[in-house]
């Protein structure tokens, strides 16, 4: 391979967009005391994206942008109180799958300050485009 050759693609022709350890303040929880304060939530996501039909040309318009997903996560959280971490994870997966180039998404949502002897507790959700 020379420096002018394109990078090798996976057999599936897909890339994975990653969001690693995004920590946000969120109004989340079923207990009454959780309705009146925010708590730290850690979000991780792995989003499988079909390669563009043509060359990337080093242009953001030709990729699924992690900025769009992170901004969408923040908008979901700003939308008001959420009872369950499962609901938040489902909404994030739905956000990812709203982009037609996304083939699948895995999301982990964890509350960080619930138990002093645990780094976090939460849920993982994975869904593929074929599942919707």
N, C-alpha and C. Protein backbone atom coordinates (compact mmCIF):
# COMPACT_ATOMS: atom_id res chain seq x y z
N UNK A 1 0.86 -1.18 0.00
CA UNK A 1 0.00 0.00 0.00
C UNK A 1 0.89 1.24 0.00
N UNK A 2 0.61 2.15 -0.87
CA UNK A 2 1.34 3.41 -0.90
C UNK A 2 0.56 4.45 -0.13
N UNK A 3 1.17 5.59 0.11
CA UNK A 3 0.50 6.66 0.87
C UNK A 3 -0.68 7.25 0.10
N UNK A 4 -0.78 6.98 -1.20
CA UNK A 4 -1.90 7.51 -1.97
C UNK A 4 -3.05 6.52 -2.10
N UNK A 5 -2.83 5.27 -1.65
CA UNK A 5 -3.91 4.29 -1.70
C UNK A 5 -4.96 4.62 -0.65
N UNK A 6 -6.24 4.36 -0.95
CA UNK A 6 -7.27 4.60 0.06
C UNK A 6 -7.12 3.61 1.21
N UNK A 7 -7.56 3.97 2.41
CA UNK A 7 -7.47 3.03 3.52
C UNK A 7 -8.35 1.81 3.24
N UNK A 8 -7.93 0.69 3.79
CA UNK A 8 -8.71 -0.53 3.60
C UNK A 8 -10.07 -0.38 4.29
N UNK A 9 -11.08 -0.91 3.65
CA UNK A 9 -12.42 -0.89 4.23
C UNK A 9 -12.73 -2.27 4.79
N UNK A 10 -13.60 -2.30 5.77
CA UNK A 10 -14.03 -3.58 6.29
C UNK A 10 -14.86 -4.28 5.21
N UNK A 11 -15.02 -5.58 5.34
CA UNK A 11 -15.81 -6.32 4.36
C UNK A 11 -17.23 -5.79 4.29
N UNK A 12 -17.76 -5.34 5.41
CA UNK A 12 -19.14 -4.88 5.44
C UNK A 12 -19.30 -3.46 4.89
N UNK A 13 -18.20 -2.74 4.64
CA UNK A 13 -18.28 -1.37 4.14
C UNK A 13 -18.87 -0.43 5.16
N UNK A 14 -18.54 -0.63 6.41
CA UNK A 14 -19.11 0.18 7.48
C UNK A 14 -18.00 0.75 8.35
N UNK A 15 -18.33 1.87 8.95
CA UNK A 15 -17.46 2.50 9.93
C UNK A 15 -18.21 2.51 11.25
N UNK A 16 -17.48 2.71 12.33
CA UNK A 16 -18.10 2.86 13.64
C UNK A 16 -17.76 4.23 14.19
N UNK A 17 -18.79 4.97 14.51
CA UNK A 17 -18.65 6.26 15.17
C UNK A 17 -18.70 5.97 16.67
N UNK A 18 -17.81 6.57 17.44
CA UNK A 18 -17.72 6.29 18.87
C UNK A 18 -17.93 7.54 19.69
N UNK A 19 -18.68 7.40 20.75
CA UNK A 19 -18.78 8.43 21.78
C UNK A 19 -18.39 7.73 23.07
N UNK A 20 -17.33 8.20 23.69
CA UNK A 20 -16.75 7.51 24.84
C UNK A 20 -16.82 8.38 26.08
N UNK A 21 -17.54 7.88 27.08
CA UNK A 21 -17.59 8.50 28.41
C UNK A 21 -18.05 9.96 28.40
N UNK A 22 -19.13 10.23 27.69
CA UNK A 22 -19.76 11.55 27.75
C UNK A 22 -20.49 11.64 29.09
N UNK A 23 -20.09 12.57 29.94
CA UNK A 23 -20.72 12.73 31.25
C UNK A 23 -21.53 14.02 31.24
N UNK A 24 -22.83 13.87 31.54
CA UNK A 24 -23.76 14.99 31.50
C UNK A 24 -24.58 15.00 32.78
N UNK A 25 -25.11 16.18 33.12
CA UNK A 25 -26.06 16.28 34.22
C UNK A 25 -27.45 16.06 33.66
N UNK A 26 -28.22 15.21 34.33
CA UNK A 26 -29.51 14.80 33.80
C UNK A 26 -30.52 14.70 34.92
N UNK A 27 -31.74 15.15 34.66
CA UNK A 27 -32.86 14.93 35.58
C UNK A 27 -33.44 13.57 35.22
N UNK A 28 -33.09 12.57 36.04
CA UNK A 28 -33.46 11.19 35.71
C UNK A 28 -33.70 10.40 37.00
N UNK A 29 -34.70 9.55 36.98
CA UNK A 29 -34.96 8.67 38.10
C UNK A 29 -36.43 8.61 38.46
N UNK A 30 -36.82 7.49 39.05
CA UNK A 30 -38.23 7.26 39.40
C UNK A 30 -38.57 7.75 40.80
N UNK A 31 -37.59 7.93 41.64
CA UNK A 31 -37.85 8.32 43.04
C UNK A 31 -38.12 9.81 43.15
N UNK A 32 -39.01 10.19 44.06
CA UNK A 32 -39.37 11.62 44.20
C UNK A 32 -38.16 12.54 44.38
N UNK A 33 -37.17 12.12 45.16
CA UNK A 33 -36.00 12.98 45.38
C UNK A 33 -35.17 13.16 44.10
N UNK A 34 -35.35 12.30 43.11
CA UNK A 34 -34.61 12.42 41.85
C UNK A 34 -35.29 13.39 40.88
N UNK A 35 -36.52 13.78 41.18
CA UNK A 35 -37.26 14.68 40.29
C UNK A 35 -36.86 16.14 40.49
N UNK A 36 -36.15 16.43 41.55
CA UNK A 36 -35.86 17.83 41.88
C UNK A 36 -34.37 18.16 41.86
N UNK A 37 -33.58 17.28 41.26
CA UNK A 37 -32.15 17.55 41.15
C UNK A 37 -31.61 16.80 39.94
N UNK A 38 -30.47 17.25 39.47
CA UNK A 38 -29.80 16.53 38.38
C UNK A 38 -28.76 15.60 38.98
N UNK A 39 -28.38 14.62 38.21
CA UNK A 39 -27.32 13.71 38.62
C UNK A 39 -26.45 13.38 37.41
N UNK A 40 -25.23 12.98 37.71
CA UNK A 40 -24.29 12.67 36.64
C UNK A 40 -24.66 11.35 35.97
N UNK A 41 -24.65 11.39 34.64
CA UNK A 41 -24.93 10.21 33.83
C UNK A 41 -23.80 10.10 32.80
N UNK A 42 -23.30 8.87 32.63
CA UNK A 42 -22.24 8.63 31.64
C UNK A 42 -22.88 7.90 30.46
N UNK A 43 -22.56 8.38 29.26
CA UNK A 43 -23.12 7.79 28.05
C UNK A 43 -21.98 7.34 27.14
N UNK A 44 -22.11 6.12 26.66
CA UNK A 44 -21.20 5.58 25.66
C UNK A 44 -22.04 5.10 24.49
N UNK A 45 -21.53 5.28 23.28
CA UNK A 45 -22.26 4.83 22.11
C UNK A 45 -21.29 4.33 21.06
N UNK A 46 -21.74 3.32 20.34
CA UNK A 46 -21.03 2.79 19.18
C UNK A 46 -22.07 2.73 18.07
N UNK A 47 -21.85 3.50 17.01
CA UNK A 47 -22.83 3.66 15.95
C UNK A 47 -22.22 3.13 14.65
N UNK A 48 -22.83 2.09 14.09
CA UNK A 48 -22.35 1.52 12.82
C UNK A 48 -22.95 2.32 11.67
N UNK A 49 -22.06 2.79 10.80
CA UNK A 49 -22.45 3.68 9.71
C UNK A 49 -22.02 3.07 8.38
N UNK A 50 -22.93 3.05 7.42
CA UNK A 50 -22.59 2.60 6.07
C UNK A 50 -21.64 3.62 5.45
N UNK A 51 -20.66 3.13 4.73
CA UNK A 51 -19.75 4.04 4.03
C UNK A 51 -20.51 4.88 3.02
N UNK A 52 -20.00 6.06 2.77
CA UNK A 52 -20.58 6.94 1.75
C UNK A 52 -20.49 6.27 0.39
N UNK A 53 -21.42 6.63 -0.50
CA UNK A 53 -21.41 6.06 -1.85
C UNK A 53 -20.16 6.47 -2.63
N UNK A 54 -19.69 7.67 -2.39
CA UNK A 54 -18.51 8.16 -3.09
C UNK A 54 -17.38 8.41 -2.10
N UNK A 55 -16.35 9.09 -2.55
CA UNK A 55 -15.22 9.38 -1.67
C UNK A 55 -15.62 10.35 -0.55
N UNK A 56 -14.94 10.24 0.58
CA UNK A 56 -15.21 11.14 1.70
C UNK A 56 -14.76 12.57 1.40
N UNK A 57 -13.71 12.71 0.62
CA UNK A 57 -13.18 14.02 0.25
C UNK A 57 -12.89 14.91 1.44
N UNK A 58 -12.68 14.30 2.60
CA UNK A 58 -12.33 15.05 3.81
C UNK A 58 -13.38 16.11 4.13
N UNK A 59 -14.66 15.79 3.87
CA UNK A 59 -15.77 16.73 4.09
C UNK A 59 -16.75 16.15 5.11
N UNK A 60 -17.10 16.95 6.08
CA UNK A 60 -18.02 16.50 7.12
C UNK A 60 -19.39 16.15 6.56
N UNK A 61 -19.77 16.75 5.45
CA UNK A 61 -21.07 16.44 4.84
C UNK A 61 -21.14 14.98 4.37
N UNK A 62 -20.00 14.32 4.23
CA UNK A 62 -19.96 12.96 3.73
C UNK A 62 -19.87 11.90 4.83
N UNK A 63 -20.03 12.31 6.07
CA UNK A 63 -19.99 11.36 7.19
C UNK A 63 -21.16 11.63 8.13
N UNK A 64 -21.42 10.68 9.00
CA UNK A 64 -22.34 10.91 10.12
C UNK A 64 -21.50 11.56 11.21
N UNK A 65 -21.90 12.73 11.65
CA UNK A 65 -21.08 13.52 12.57
C UNK A 65 -21.39 13.18 14.02
N UNK A 66 -20.35 12.90 14.78
CA UNK A 66 -20.55 12.67 16.22
C UNK A 66 -21.05 13.94 16.90
N UNK A 67 -20.73 15.10 16.33
CA UNK A 67 -21.22 16.36 16.91
C UNK A 67 -22.75 16.40 16.87
N UNK A 68 -23.33 15.94 15.78
CA UNK A 68 -24.79 15.91 15.66
C UNK A 68 -25.39 14.98 16.71
N UNK A 69 -24.77 13.85 16.93
CA UNK A 69 -25.29 12.90 17.92
C UNK A 69 -25.12 13.44 19.33
N UNK A 70 -23.97 14.00 19.65
CA UNK A 70 -23.76 14.57 20.99
C UNK A 70 -24.74 15.73 21.23
N UNK A 71 -24.92 16.60 20.25
CA UNK A 71 -25.89 17.69 20.39
C UNK A 71 -27.30 17.14 20.58
N UNK A 72 -27.63 16.06 19.86
CA UNK A 72 -28.94 15.43 20.01
C UNK A 72 -29.15 14.83 21.39
N UNK A 73 -28.10 14.22 21.94
CA UNK A 73 -28.17 13.67 23.30
C UNK A 73 -28.44 14.81 24.29
N UNK A 74 -27.72 15.89 24.13
CA UNK A 74 -27.92 17.03 25.04
C UNK A 74 -29.33 17.61 24.90
N UNK A 75 -29.88 17.61 23.70
CA UNK A 75 -31.25 18.10 23.50
C UNK A 75 -32.27 17.17 24.16
N UNK A 76 -32.05 15.88 24.07
CA UNK A 76 -32.94 14.92 24.74
C UNK A 76 -32.95 15.19 26.24
N UNK A 77 -31.78 15.36 26.81
CA UNK A 77 -31.66 15.60 28.25
C UNK A 77 -32.29 16.94 28.63
N UNK A 78 -32.11 17.95 27.80
CA UNK A 78 -32.68 19.28 28.07
C UNK A 78 -34.21 19.27 27.96
N UNK A 79 -34.76 18.23 27.34
CA UNK A 79 -36.19 18.14 27.13
C UNK A 79 -37.02 17.89 28.38
N UNK A 80 -36.38 17.63 29.48
CA UNK A 80 -37.11 17.44 30.73
C UNK A 80 -36.81 16.11 31.39
N UNK A 81 -37.44 15.92 32.53
CA UNK A 81 -37.18 14.75 33.37
C UNK A 81 -37.49 13.45 32.63
N UNK A 82 -36.63 12.47 32.84
CA UNK A 82 -36.79 11.11 32.30
C UNK A 82 -36.78 10.17 33.49
N UNK A 83 -37.74 9.27 33.55
CA UNK A 83 -37.80 8.34 34.69
C UNK A 83 -36.74 7.26 34.64
N UNK A 84 -36.55 6.62 33.50
CA UNK A 84 -35.72 5.43 33.42
C UNK A 84 -34.48 5.63 32.55
N UNK A 85 -33.36 5.02 32.97
CA UNK A 85 -32.17 5.01 32.12
C UNK A 85 -32.47 4.25 30.83
N UNK A 86 -33.36 3.28 30.89
CA UNK A 86 -33.76 2.55 29.69
C UNK A 86 -34.40 3.48 28.67
N UNK A 87 -35.24 4.39 29.15
CA UNK A 87 -35.89 5.36 28.26
C UNK A 87 -34.87 6.26 27.60
N UNK A 88 -33.92 6.75 28.38
CA UNK A 88 -32.87 7.61 27.81
C UNK A 88 -32.06 6.85 26.77
N UNK A 89 -31.68 5.62 27.08
CA UNK A 89 -30.91 4.82 26.12
C UNK A 89 -31.71 4.58 24.84
N UNK A 90 -33.01 4.26 24.96
CA UNK A 90 -33.86 4.05 23.78
C UNK A 90 -33.94 5.32 22.93
N UNK A 91 -34.08 6.46 23.58
CA UNK A 91 -34.18 7.72 22.83
C UNK A 91 -32.90 8.03 22.09
N UNK A 92 -31.76 7.70 22.70
CA UNK A 92 -30.47 7.94 22.03
C UNK A 92 -30.32 7.00 20.83
N UNK A 93 -30.71 5.74 21.00
CA UNK A 93 -30.66 4.80 19.87
C UNK A 93 -31.57 5.29 18.75
N UNK A 94 -32.78 5.75 19.10
CA UNK A 94 -33.70 6.29 18.09
C UNK A 94 -33.09 7.48 17.36
N UNK A 95 -32.43 8.36 18.11
CA UNK A 95 -31.74 9.50 17.52
C UNK A 95 -30.72 9.04 16.48
N UNK A 96 -29.94 8.06 16.84
CA UNK A 96 -28.92 7.55 15.92
C UNK A 96 -29.55 6.94 14.68
N UNK A 97 -30.58 6.12 14.87
CA UNK A 97 -31.22 5.43 13.74
C UNK A 97 -32.06 6.36 12.87
N UNK A 98 -32.30 7.58 13.32
CA UNK A 98 -33.03 8.55 12.49
C UNK A 98 -32.21 8.92 11.25
N UNK A 99 -30.88 8.76 11.33
CA UNK A 99 -30.03 9.02 10.17
C UNK A 99 -30.05 7.77 9.29
N UNK A 100 -30.46 7.86 8.02
CA UNK A 100 -30.59 6.67 7.18
C UNK A 100 -29.28 5.93 6.91
N UNK A 101 -28.15 6.60 7.13
CA UNK A 101 -26.85 5.92 6.93
C UNK A 101 -26.45 5.06 8.11
N UNK A 102 -27.13 5.21 9.25
CA UNK A 102 -26.80 4.42 10.43
C UNK A 102 -27.43 3.05 10.29
N UNK A 103 -26.61 2.03 10.41
CA UNK A 103 -27.06 0.64 10.27
C UNK A 103 -27.42 0.04 11.63
N UNK A 104 -26.83 0.54 12.70
CA UNK A 104 -27.12 0.01 14.04
C UNK A 104 -26.46 0.87 15.09
N UNK A 105 -26.97 0.76 16.32
CA UNK A 105 -26.41 1.55 17.41
C UNK A 105 -26.45 0.75 18.71
N UNK A 106 -25.39 0.89 19.47
CA UNK A 106 -25.28 0.33 20.81
C UNK A 106 -25.07 1.52 21.74
N UNK A 107 -25.85 1.60 22.80
CA UNK A 107 -25.75 2.72 23.74
C UNK A 107 -25.74 2.17 25.16
N UNK A 108 -24.85 2.71 25.98
CA UNK A 108 -24.80 2.41 27.42
C UNK A 108 -25.07 3.71 28.17
N UNK A 109 -26.00 3.67 29.12
CA UNK A 109 -26.31 4.81 29.97
C UNK A 109 -26.12 4.35 31.42
N UNK A 110 -25.31 5.12 32.18
CA UNK A 110 -25.05 4.76 33.57
C UNK A 110 -25.23 5.96 34.49
N UNK A 111 -25.91 5.76 35.61
CA UNK A 111 -25.92 6.73 36.69
C UNK A 111 -24.62 6.52 37.46
N UNK A 112 -23.93 7.62 37.75
CA UNK A 112 -22.59 7.50 38.34
C UNK A 112 -22.54 7.64 39.85
N UNK A 113 -23.53 8.26 40.45
CA UNK A 113 -23.41 8.59 41.87
C UNK A 113 -24.42 7.86 42.75
N UNK A 114 -24.99 6.79 42.25
CA UNK A 114 -26.04 6.10 43.00
C UNK A 114 -25.48 5.28 44.16
N UNK A 115 -24.43 4.53 43.91
CA UNK A 115 -23.84 3.67 44.94
C UNK A 115 -22.37 4.02 45.13
N UNK A 116 -21.95 4.26 46.35
CA UNK A 116 -20.55 4.65 46.57
C UNK A 116 -19.56 3.54 46.24
N UNK A 117 -20.00 2.30 46.22
CA UNK A 117 -19.09 1.19 45.95
C UNK A 117 -19.19 0.68 44.51
N UNK A 118 -19.82 1.47 43.61
CA UNK A 118 -19.90 1.12 42.19
C UNK A 118 -19.57 2.34 41.34
N UNK A 119 -18.80 2.14 40.29
CA UNK A 119 -18.48 3.24 39.37
C UNK A 119 -19.72 3.75 38.65
N UNK A 120 -20.68 2.87 38.43
CA UNK A 120 -21.90 3.26 37.76
C UNK A 120 -22.85 2.08 37.65
N UNK A 121 -24.13 2.38 37.49
CA UNK A 121 -25.15 1.37 37.26
C UNK A 121 -26.04 1.86 36.13
N UNK A 122 -26.47 0.94 35.28
CA UNK A 122 -27.29 1.39 34.17
C UNK A 122 -27.72 0.28 33.26
N UNK A 123 -27.79 0.61 31.98
CA UNK A 123 -28.34 -0.30 30.99
C UNK A 123 -27.63 -0.13 29.66
N UNK A 124 -27.63 -1.19 28.86
CA UNK A 124 -27.15 -1.14 27.49
C UNK A 124 -28.31 -1.51 26.57
N UNK A 125 -28.39 -0.81 25.44
CA UNK A 125 -29.41 -1.09 24.43
C UNK A 125 -28.69 -1.19 23.09
N UNK A 126 -29.05 -2.19 22.32
CA UNK A 126 -28.50 -2.33 20.97
C UNK A 126 -29.66 -2.61 20.01
N UNK A 127 -29.63 -1.88 18.91
CA UNK A 127 -30.67 -2.08 17.90
C UNK A 127 -30.05 -1.89 16.52
N UNK A 128 -30.49 -2.69 15.58
CA UNK A 128 -30.05 -2.59 14.19
C UNK A 128 -31.19 -2.03 13.35
N UNK A 129 -30.84 -1.44 12.24
CA UNK A 129 -31.85 -0.87 11.34
C UNK A 129 -32.89 -1.93 10.98
N UNK A 130 -32.48 -3.17 10.81
CA UNK A 130 -33.41 -4.25 10.46
C UNK A 130 -34.43 -4.51 11.57
N UNK A 131 -34.12 -4.07 12.79
CA UNK A 131 -35.02 -4.30 13.93
C UNK A 131 -36.16 -3.30 13.99
N UNK A 132 -36.03 -2.17 13.26
CA UNK A 132 -37.05 -1.12 13.36
C UNK A 132 -38.08 -1.22 12.25
